[in-house]
């Protein structure tokens, strides 16, 4: 069927679906207004509304795709009509074998802060076919570039989630991500895996029964044998997203102001991705860690360090004979407190200018994903301010983590671009929501005890 007819029929179906939703909402309002609401009927109505919303999301996504297809067809027809029949190519074009590539639509030298890109996202949302066509070509260009580089982009779980959007130009991600608010310091130090091409679950194998060896009782006797067995750990894939609300006046009347929104969105996204890896319920680092309590009203660097060594011993015990690459994760303030502690007259953590008299050594690096320094045991330290500081009875404690870097698994596919979309969820306020999103999964508990968290009154807000 003609795309325009399909699009028109789909729009009619969407309108009917919205009427169906309105009827369910009216029914729900009536049920809740009763003196003794029937909980089962309310729950059933809520489920129907949720199912309708999911259908609407898919239908509107298909409508947007058809709209883009129609715009592309119309543009192609227009360009075909502009070609003059019988026109000859210049001689050098006829003899040249050089293949030229279409110039990028959004370039760092022409749109360094993403203002033009964000403007097109806003215009596409308001119905501009030209903006939608530019964004569509840009996204295809980015996909083609990654495919040519050997990293084809798969349509990972977009159909399942009902989300769709435009690819954020790579140079904008590179420009803004390193300056993320609290940073993605922890995630950048994890063991990364590519997301599966589809579905909402990633898998990781764990050996549950290992092989064995023993002395042969006598010549010709059967040697020891234990069949190896493993199990697959299912890891849920979740959506990481950040949003900014922008007024229609800003979009319509201040075209040069959207670059701030673009920067903040990217920074928010990477901060949230890191925060989820540490603090997400059930799967985050904090949720799966084995807690080691440190209780002291007057904590010292020496005591804290002994707990870190105790945690390191527990991690190595959990890994048995497997190699461990231990890593210490601290809040930035906790690391600076360590540097503030003195043993005799020498700092516990020596700076580059304090000679070799400290117990550990600072690397001189500032806050970021790099190693901040080394403890006396040579354990590297990274800092991350996504570690919460409101734990404990006094809501004034943070946590310190000691883990095997090899067992910090994060699924974040670098071939999958950061996506952005615009939604008008606050129409009465003339506000537009810009949302960036991507997908992530993490697993830190393949081996019980491979992540240790030091917790207790010894980690109250540091006093300098």
Protein backbone atom coordinates (compact mmCIF):
# COMPACT_ATOMS: atom_id res chain seq x y z
CA UNK A 1 0.00 0.00 0.00
CA UNK A 2 1.09 3.58 -0.63
CA UNK A 3 3.00 4.98 2.40
CA UNK A 4 0.71 8.01 2.55
CA UNK A 5 -2.39 5.82 2.74
CA UNK A 6 -0.73 3.65 5.37
CA UNK A 7 0.18 6.77 7.31
CA UNK A 8 -3.37 8.14 7.13
CA UNK A 9 -4.88 4.83 8.27
CA UNK A 10 -2.37 4.63 11.11
CA UNK A 11 -3.24 8.15 12.25
CA UNK A 12 -6.93 7.20 12.30
CA UNK A 13 -6.09 4.11 14.34
CA UNK A 14 -4.07 6.25 16.76
CA UNK A 15 -7.04 8.60 17.14
CA UNK A 16 -9.33 5.64 17.87
CA UNK A 17 -6.83 4.27 20.35
CA UNK A 18 -6.72 7.60 22.19
CA UNK A 19 -10.54 7.54 22.38
CA UNK A 20 -10.31 4.02 23.82
CA UNK A 21 -7.81 5.27 26.36
CA UNK A 22 -10.07 8.18 27.32
CA UNK A 23 -12.91 5.72 27.97
CA UNK A 24 -10.67 3.64 30.24
CA UNK A 25 -9.57 6.78 32.11
CA UNK A 26 -13.23 7.76 32.59
CA UNK A 27 -14.01 4.27 33.86
CA UNK A 28 -11.03 4.42 36.22
CA UNK A 29 -12.14 7.81 37.57
CA UNK A 30 -15.62 6.45 38.20
CA UNK A 31 -14.29 3.34 39.99
CA UNK A 32 -12.00 5.38 42.22
CA UNK A 33 -14.82 7.79 43.06
CA UNK A 34 -16.95 5.05 44.62
CA UNK A 35 -17.29 4.87 48.41
CA UNK A 36 -15.68 1.42 48.41
CA UNK A 37 -13.65 1.08 45.21
CA UNK A 38 -13.27 -2.44 43.84
CA UNK A 39 -9.49 -2.92 43.92
CA UNK A 40 -9.58 -5.74 41.37
CA UNK A 41 -11.52 -3.64 38.85
CA UNK A 42 -9.21 -0.66 39.45
CA UNK A 43 -6.15 -2.85 38.89
CA UNK A 44 -7.70 -4.32 35.72
CA UNK A 45 -8.45 -0.83 34.38
CA UNK A 46 -4.89 0.29 35.16
CA UNK A 47 -3.52 -2.71 33.26
CA UNK A 48 -5.73 -1.91 30.26
CA UNK A 49 -4.52 1.70 30.29
CA UNK A 50 -0.91 0.52 30.48
CA UNK A 51 -1.44 -1.87 27.55
CA UNK A 52 -3.06 0.91 25.50
CA UNK A 53 -0.12 3.23 26.25
CA UNK A 54 2.29 0.56 25.04
CA UNK A 55 0.27 0.13 21.82
CA UNK A 56 0.20 3.90 21.32
CA UNK A 57 3.95 4.09 21.73
CA UNK A 58 4.47 1.46 19.03
CA UNK A 59 1.86 3.01 16.73
CA UNK A 60 3.29 6.50 17.05
CA UNK A 61 6.77 5.11 16.41
CA UNK A 62 5.53 3.49 13.18
CA UNK A 63 3.77 6.72 12.23
CA UNK A 64 7.01 8.67 12.71
CA UNK A 65 8.89 6.14 10.57
CA UNK A 66 6.29 6.40 7.82
CA UNK A 67 6.40 10.19 8.00
CA UNK A 68 10.18 10.09 7.56
CA UNK A 69 9.81 7.64 4.65
CA UNK A 70 7.28 9.93 2.93
CA UNK A 71 9.59 12.93 3.41
CA UNK A 72 12.52 11.00 1.94
CA UNK A 73 10.44 9.87 -1.05
CA UNK A 74 9.25 13.42 -1.70
CA UNK A 75 12.80 14.76 -1.47
CA UNK A 76 14.09 12.06 -3.82
CA UNK A 77 11.30 12.85 -6.32
CA UNK A 78 12.13 16.54 -6.14
CA UNK A 79 15.82 15.91 -6.77
CA UNK A 80 15.02 13.53 -9.63
CA UNK A 81 12.93 16.24 -11.29
CA UNK A 82 15.86 18.66 -11.06
CA UNK A 83 18.18 16.41 -13.11
CA UNK A 84 18.34 17.57 -16.73
CA UNK A 85 18.00 14.80 -19.25
CA UNK A 86 21.10 14.35 -21.40
CA UNK A 87 23.37 16.36 -19.12
CA UNK A 88 26.95 15.20 -19.40
CA UNK A 89 29.34 14.78 -16.50
CA UNK A 90 32.63 16.69 -16.61
CA UNK A 91 35.42 14.67 -18.17
CA UNK A 92 37.40 14.32 -14.92
CA UNK A 93 34.31 12.87 -13.20
CA UNK A 94 33.95 10.27 -15.98
CA UNK A 95 37.52 9.01 -15.73
CA UNK A 96 37.98 9.23 -11.99
CA UNK A 97 37.58 6.13 -9.85
CA UNK A 98 37.61 8.12 -6.61
CA UNK A 99 34.52 7.59 -4.44
CA UNK A 100 33.46 10.67 -2.55
CA UNK A 101 31.57 10.50 0.73
CA UNK A 102 28.69 12.77 1.62
CA UNK A 103 29.76 15.50 3.99
CA UNK A 104 28.51 15.21 7.56
CA UNK A 105 25.44 17.32 8.24
CA UNK A 106 26.48 18.26 11.78
CA UNK A 107 30.18 19.05 12.08
CA UNK A 108 32.36 20.24 14.93
CA UNK A 109 33.76 23.14 12.90
CA UNK A 110 30.27 24.41 12.00
CA UNK A 111 28.20 23.40 15.04
CA UNK A 112 30.70 22.92 17.90
CA UNK A 113 28.16 22.98 20.74
CA UNK A 114 25.31 21.14 19.00
CA UNK A 115 23.01 24.15 18.72
CA UNK A 116 22.00 23.41 15.11
CA UNK A 117 21.49 19.74 15.90
CA UNK A 118 19.26 20.53 18.87
CA UNK A 119 17.36 23.07 16.80
CA UNK A 120 16.59 20.37 14.21
CA UNK A 121 15.46 17.95 16.95
CA UNK A 122 13.05 20.64 18.16
CA UNK A 123 11.84 21.47 14.63
CA UNK A 124 11.32 17.79 13.78
CA UNK A 125 9.17 17.52 16.89
CA UNK A 126 7.06 20.47 15.76
CA UNK A 127 6.52 18.88 12.33
CA UNK A 128 9.31 20.18 10.07
CA UNK A 129 9.88 17.61 7.33
CA UNK A 130 13.17 19.29 6.37
CA UNK A 131 14.55 18.93 9.91
CA UNK A 132 13.35 15.34 10.08
CA UNK A 133 15.00 14.61 6.74
CA UNK A 134 18.31 16.10 7.91
CA UNK A 135 18.23 14.13 11.15
CA UNK A 136 17.36 10.95 9.27
CA UNK A 137 20.28 11.37 6.86
CA UNK A 138 22.63 12.21 9.73
CA UNK A 139 21.62 9.07 11.65
CA UNK A 140 22.09 6.92 8.55
CA UNK A 141 25.52 8.50 7.99
CA UNK A 142 26.57 7.68 11.53
CA UNK A 143 25.34 4.09 11.21
CA UNK A 144 27.17 3.68 7.89
CA UNK A 145 30.40 5.08 9.33
CA UNK A 146 30.33 2.61 12.21
CA UNK A 147 29.46 -0.27 9.90
CA UNK A 148 32.41 0.62 7.62
CA UNK A 149 34.64 0.72 10.72
CA UNK A 150 33.60 -2.84 11.56
CA UNK A 151 31.11 -1.93 14.31
CA UNK A 152 27.64 -2.15 12.77
CA UNK A 153 24.83 -0.66 14.83
CA UNK A 154 22.06 -3.06 15.76
CA UNK A 155 18.53 -1.99 16.64
CA UNK A 156 18.99 -3.13 20.21
CA UNK A 157 15.73 -3.49 22.22
CA UNK A 158 14.20 -0.38 20.65
CA UNK A 159 11.17 -2.36 19.50
CA UNK A 160 10.73 -3.88 22.95
CA UNK A 161 10.90 -0.57 24.76
CA UNK A 162 8.81 1.43 22.30
CA UNK A 163 11.48 4.14 22.17
CA UNK A 164 12.83 5.83 19.06
CA UNK A 165 15.01 8.81 18.40
CA UNK A 166 17.89 10.42 16.58
CA UNK A 167 21.58 9.66 17.02
CA UNK A 168 23.55 12.33 18.86
CA UNK A 169 26.64 13.30 16.79
CA UNK A 170 29.70 11.47 18.07
CA UNK A 171 31.79 14.62 18.42
CA UNK A 172 29.23 16.10 20.84
CA UNK A 173 29.41 13.01 23.05
CA UNK A 174 33.22 13.16 22.97
CA UNK A 175 33.09 16.88 23.76
CA UNK A 176 30.70 16.78 26.69
CA UNK A 177 30.95 13.30 28.24
CA UNK A 178 34.43 13.83 29.80
CA UNK A 179 33.03 16.84 31.67
CA UNK A 180 30.11 14.92 33.17
CA UNK A 181 28.74 16.28 36.44
CA UNK A 182 29.79 13.57 38.89
CA UNK A 183 31.35 11.62 36.09
CA UNK A 184 31.30 8.04 34.91
CA UNK A 185 34.53 7.26 36.73
CA UNK A 186 33.55 3.81 37.96
CA UNK A 187 31.99 2.58 34.70
CA UNK A 188 35.09 3.68 32.78
CA UNK A 189 37.16 1.31 34.94
CA UNK A 190 34.85 -1.71 34.57
CA UNK A 191 35.19 -4.68 32.26
CA UNK A 192 33.00 -3.80 29.29
CA UNK A 193 30.94 -6.13 27.11
CA UNK A 194 28.84 -5.40 24.00
CA UNK A 195 25.09 -5.45 24.47
CA UNK A 196 23.27 -8.37 22.81
CA UNK A 197 21.74 -7.48 19.46
CA UNK A 198 18.20 -7.83 20.80
CA UNK A 199 16.25 -8.56 23.92
CA UNK A 200 16.21 -7.19 27.45
CA UNK A 201 18.65 -9.66 29.02
CA UNK A 202 22.42 -10.18 28.90
CA UNK A 203 24.07 -13.42 29.99
CA UNK A 204 27.28 -14.30 31.78
CA UNK A 205 28.63 -17.79 32.34
CA UNK A 206 29.77 -19.02 35.77
CA UNK A 207 31.52 -22.32 36.42
CA UNK A 208 29.64 -24.03 39.28
CA UNK A 209 31.54 -27.32 39.29
CA UNK A 210 35.19 -27.35 38.30
CA UNK A 211 37.42 -30.13 37.05
CA UNK A 212 39.61 -32.08 39.48
CA UNK A 213 42.94 -33.86 39.64
CA UNK A 214 44.38 -36.44 42.05
CA UNK A 215 47.13 -38.99 42.33
CA UNK A 216 46.66 -42.11 40.21
CA UNK A 217 46.25 -44.98 42.67
CA UNK A 218 48.16 -47.45 40.52
CA UNK A 219 49.34 -47.87 37.00
CA UNK A 220 46.42 -48.58 34.71
CA UNK A 221 43.84 -47.33 37.21
CA UNK A 222 41.29 -44.74 36.13
CA UNK A 223 42.47 -41.21 36.90
CA UNK A 224 40.35 -38.72 38.81
CA UNK A 225 37.62 -37.00 36.83
CA UNK A 226 34.94 -34.46 37.69
CA UNK A 227 32.68 -33.19 34.93
CA UNK A 228 32.80 -29.43 34.56
CA UNK A 229 29.46 -27.68 34.84
CA UNK A 230 28.43 -24.08 34.45
CA UNK A 231 25.34 -21.93 34.63
CA UNK A 232 24.18 -18.81 32.83
CA UNK A 233 23.53 -15.73 34.94
CA UNK A 234 20.72 -13.57 33.56
CA UNK A 235 21.44 -9.84 33.79
CA UNK A 236 18.61 -7.37 33.10
CA UNK A 237 19.24 -4.62 30.56
CA UNK A 238 17.85 -1.28 31.68
CA UNK A 239 17.39 2.12 30.08
CA UNK A 240 19.58 5.01 31.19
CA UNK A 241 18.09 8.41 30.45
CA UNK A 242 18.46 12.11 31.18
CA UNK A 243 16.07 14.91 30.32
CA UNK A 244 15.81 18.68 30.13
CA UNK A 245 12.62 20.76 29.90
CA UNK A 246 12.83 23.74 27.55
CA UNK A 247 10.21 26.41 26.93
CA UNK A 248 8.72 26.81 23.46
CA UNK A 249 9.71 30.48 23.64
CA UNK A 250 13.35 29.45 23.91
CA UNK A 251 13.02 27.08 20.97
CA UNK A 252 11.13 29.56 18.79
CA UNK A 253 12.79 32.83 19.75
CA UNK A 254 16.29 32.01 21.02
CA UNK A 255 17.83 29.61 18.51
CA UNK A 256 21.33 30.12 19.90
CA UNK A 257 20.53 28.93 23.41
CA UNK A 258 19.99 25.19 22.90
CA UNK A 259 23.68 24.27 23.12
CA UNK A 260 23.53 24.52 26.92
CA UNK A 261 20.68 22.00 26.88
CA UNK A 262 22.68 19.61 24.70
CA UNK A 263 25.71 19.75 26.97
CA UNK A 264 23.67 19.24 30.13
CA UNK A 265 21.79 16.30 28.63
CA UNK A 266 24.95 14.40 27.71
CA UNK A 267 26.51 15.11 31.08
CA UNK A 268 23.35 13.99 32.89
CA UNK A 269 23.21 10.78 30.89
CA UNK A 270 26.75 9.67 31.72
CA UNK A 271 26.36 10.67 35.35
CA UNK A 272 23.19 8.59 35.60
CA UNK A 273 24.79 5.60 33.85
CA UNK A 274 27.56 5.59 36.45
CA UNK A 275 25.15 6.19 39.34
CA UNK A 276 23.06 3.19 38.26
CA UNK A 277 26.12 0.95 38.13
CA UNK A 278 26.93 1.84 41.75
CA UNK A 279 23.54 2.40 43.37
CA UNK A 280 20.88 0.58 41.34
CA UNK A 281 18.66 -1.59 43.52
CA UNK A 282 19.38 -5.35 43.35
CA UNK A 283 22.12 -5.21 40.68
CA UNK A 284 24.26 -2.17 41.58
CA UNK A 285 27.65 -2.44 43.23
CA UNK A 286 26.27 -1.24 46.56
CA UNK A 287 23.40 -3.75 46.53
CA UNK A 288 25.53 -6.87 45.93
CA UNK A 289 28.60 -6.02 48.02
CA UNK A 290 29.56 -8.01 51.12
CA UNK A 291 29.59 -5.53 53.99
CA UNK A 292 32.64 -5.20 56.24
CA UNK A 293 31.87 -3.03 59.28
CA UNK A 294 34.29 -0.36 60.52
CA UNK A 295 33.11 1.16 63.80
CA UNK A 296 35.06 4.03 65.35
CA UNK A 297 34.05 7.46 66.60
CA UNK A 298 37.57 8.76 65.84
CA UNK A 299 38.66 7.04 62.62
CA UNK A 300 42.29 7.14 61.53
CA UNK A 301 44.04 6.45 58.26
CA UNK A 302 45.84 3.43 59.71
CA UNK A 303 42.59 1.83 60.92
CA UNK A 304 40.81 2.52 57.65
CA UNK A 305 43.72 1.09 55.69
CA UNK A 306 43.67 -2.12 57.76
CA UNK A 307 39.99 -2.55 56.80
CA UNK A 308 40.89 -2.11 53.14
CA UNK A 309 43.49 -4.89 53.48
CA UNK A 310 40.91 -7.08 55.23
CA UNK A 311 38.50 -6.46 52.37
CA UNK A 312 41.25 -7.23 49.81
CA UNK A 313 41.97 -10.54 51.54
CA UNK A 314 38.27 -11.42 51.39
CA UNK A 315 38.13 -10.66 47.65
CA UNK A 316 41.17 -12.84 46.94
CA UNK A 317 39.67 -15.64 49.04
CA UNK A 318 36.46 -15.44 47.01
CA UNK A 319 38.40 -15.71 43.75
CA UNK A 320 40.56 -18.63 45.04
CA UNK A 321 43.33 -19.35 42.54
CA UNK A 322 42.08 -16.92 39.91
CA UNK A 323 44.04 -13.76 39.20
CA UNK A 324 42.60 -10.67 40.84
CA UNK A 325 43.14 -7.06 39.83
CA UNK A 326 42.09 -5.29 43.01
CA UNK A 327 40.67 -1.80 42.84
CA UNK A 328 39.64 0.58 45.64
CA UNK A 329 36.68 2.89 44.95
CA UNK A 330 36.29 5.92 47.25
CA UNK A 331 34.28 9.09 47.40
CA UNK A 332 36.48 12.03 46.45
CA UNK A 333 36.18 13.53 49.95
CA UNK A 334 37.31 10.23 51.53
CA UNK A 335 40.41 10.19 49.34
CA UNK A 336 41.27 13.79 50.23
CA UNK A 337 40.78 12.92 53.92
CA UNK A 338 43.34 10.13 53.52
CA UNK A 339 45.76 12.65 52.05
CA UNK A 340 45.08 14.89 55.04
CA UNK A 341 46.07 12.19 57.56
CA UNK A 342 49.60 12.12 58.96
CA UNK A 343 51.73 9.33 60.33
CA UNK A 344 54.27 10.96 62.65
CA UNK A 345 55.11 14.06 60.62
CA UNK A 346 54.59 12.57 57.18
CA UNK A 347 51.36 12.42 55.17
CA UNK A 348 49.73 9.01 54.90
CA UNK A 349 49.40 9.58 51.14
CA UNK A 350 52.43 11.39 49.78
CA UNK A 351 52.13 13.85 46.94
CA UNK A 352 54.64 14.04 44.13
CA UNK A 353 56.44 16.89 45.91
CA UNK A 354 56.64 15.31 49.40
CA UNK A 355 59.32 12.75 48.71
CA UNK A 356 59.14 9.04 49.51
CA UNK A 357 58.15 9.32 53.17
CA UNK A 358 54.42 8.73 52.79
CA UNK A 359 52.74 5.35 53.20
CA UNK A 360 50.99 5.62 49.83
CA UNK A 361 51.37 7.91 46.83
CA UNK A 362 49.08 10.28 44.95
CA UNK A 363 49.32 10.23 41.17
CA UNK A 364 48.70 13.95 40.78
CA UNK A 365 45.56 13.30 38.72
CA UNK A 366 42.45 15.37 39.41
CA UNK A 367 38.89 14.11 39.74
CA UNK A 368 38.07 11.84 36.82
CA UNK A 369 38.19 8.21 35.68
CA UNK A 370 41.97 7.99 36.08
CA UNK A 371 43.83 6.52 39.04
CA UNK A 372 44.12 9.10 41.85
CA UNK A 373 46.91 7.27 43.63
CA UNK A 374 48.12 4.06 45.26
CA UNK A 375 47.80 2.73 48.80
CA UNK A 376 50.84 1.19 50.56
CA UNK A 377 49.72 -2.22 49.26
CA UNK A 378 49.89 -0.82 45.69
CA UNK A 379 46.11 -1.04 45.39
CA UNK A 380 45.06 1.64 42.87
CA UNK A 381 42.40 4.13 44.00
CA UNK A 382 39.75 5.78 41.83
CA UNK A 383 37.25 8.30 43.15
CA UNK A 384 33.59 8.67 42.26
CA UNK A 385 31.16 11.15 43.76
CA UNK A 386 28.19 8.99 42.79
CA UNK A 387 28.96 7.07 46.00
CA UNK A 388 26.18 8.14 48.36
CA UNK A 389 27.07 9.99 51.57
CA UNK A 390 23.80 9.74 53.50
CA UNK A 391 24.07 6.23 54.94
CA UNK A 392 23.96 5.14 58.57
CA UNK A 393 21.84 6.20 61.52
CA UNK A 394 23.09 9.78 61.21
CA UNK A 395 22.68 9.81 57.40
CA UNK A 396 26.28 11.06 57.21
CA UNK A 397 28.28 8.00 56.15
CA UNK A 398 29.72 6.99 52.80
CA UNK A 399 31.09 3.59 51.77
CA UNK A 400 34.43 2.40 50.45
CA UNK A 401 34.56 -0.47 47.98
CA UNK A 402 37.30 -3.03 47.34
CA UNK A 403 36.68 -5.22 44.32
CA UNK A 404 38.26 -7.32 41.63
CA UNK A 405 38.23 -5.22 38.48
CA UNK A 406 37.91 -8.42 36.41
CA UNK A 407 34.56 -9.10 38.09
CA UNK A 408 33.09 -5.64 37.45
CA UNK A 409 31.07 -6.40 34.32
CA UNK A 410 29.22 -3.65 32.48
CA UNK A 411 27.37 -3.96 29.18
CA UNK A 412 27.58 -0.62 27.35
CA UNK A 413 27.96 -0.99 23.63
CA UNK A 414 30.15 1.74 22.17
CA UNK A 415 28.77 0.97 18.69
CA UNK A 416 25.27 1.96 19.83
CA UNK A 417 24.92 5.74 19.59
CA UNK A 418 23.43 7.95 22.25
CA UNK A 419 19.86 8.71 21.17
CA UNK A 420 17.70 11.80 21.70
CA UNK A 421 14.01 12.53 21.27
CA UNK A 422 11.62 15.38 22.05
CA UNK A 423 8.26 15.04 23.77
CA UNK A 424 5.63 17.59 24.78
CA UNK A 425 4.48 16.16 28.10
CA UNK A 426 3.86 19.64 29.50
CA UNK A 427 1.80 21.17 26.72
CA UNK A 428 -0.16 23.48 29.02
CA UNK A 429 3.11 25.08 30.13
CA UNK A 430 4.40 25.43 26.54
CA UNK A 431 7.32 23.23 27.53
CA UNK A 432 9.16 20.57 25.53
CA UNK A 433 11.10 17.73 27.14
CA UNK A 434 14.34 16.65 25.46
CA UNK A 435 15.37 13.13 26.48
CA UNK A 436 18.64 11.31 25.79
CA UNK A 437 18.76 7.60 26.45
CA UNK A 438 20.74 4.44 25.94
CA UNK A 439 20.97 0.92 27.37
CA UNK A 440 23.16 -0.65 30.04
CA UNK A 441 23.50 -3.76 32.19
CA UNK A 442 25.89 -4.67 34.97
CA UNK A 443 26.91 -7.67 37.08
CA UNK A 444 29.22 -7.55 40.10
CA UNK A 445 28.21 -10.71 41.94
CA UNK A 446 29.30 -13.57 39.70
CA UNK A 447 31.45 -14.71 42.64
CA UNK A 448 30.09 -14.18 46.12
CA UNK A 449 32.45 -11.94 48.09
CA UNK A 450 34.28 -10.53 45.06
CA UNK A 451 33.00 -7.06 46.02
CA UNK A 452 33.54 -5.80 49.58
CA UNK A 453 31.98 -2.64 51.00
CA UNK A 454 33.48 -1.00 54.09
CA UNK A 455 30.64 0.54 56.06
CA UNK A 456 30.05 1.95 59.53
CA UNK A 457 30.65 4.90 61.82
CA UNK A 458 34.29 4.96 60.81
CA UNK A 459 33.11 6.46 57.53
CA UNK A 460 31.16 9.46 58.84
CA UNK A 461 31.72 12.77 57.07
CA UNK A 462 35.49 13.33 57.20
CA UNK A 463 36.86 16.06 59.45
CA UNK A 464 39.81 17.98 58.05
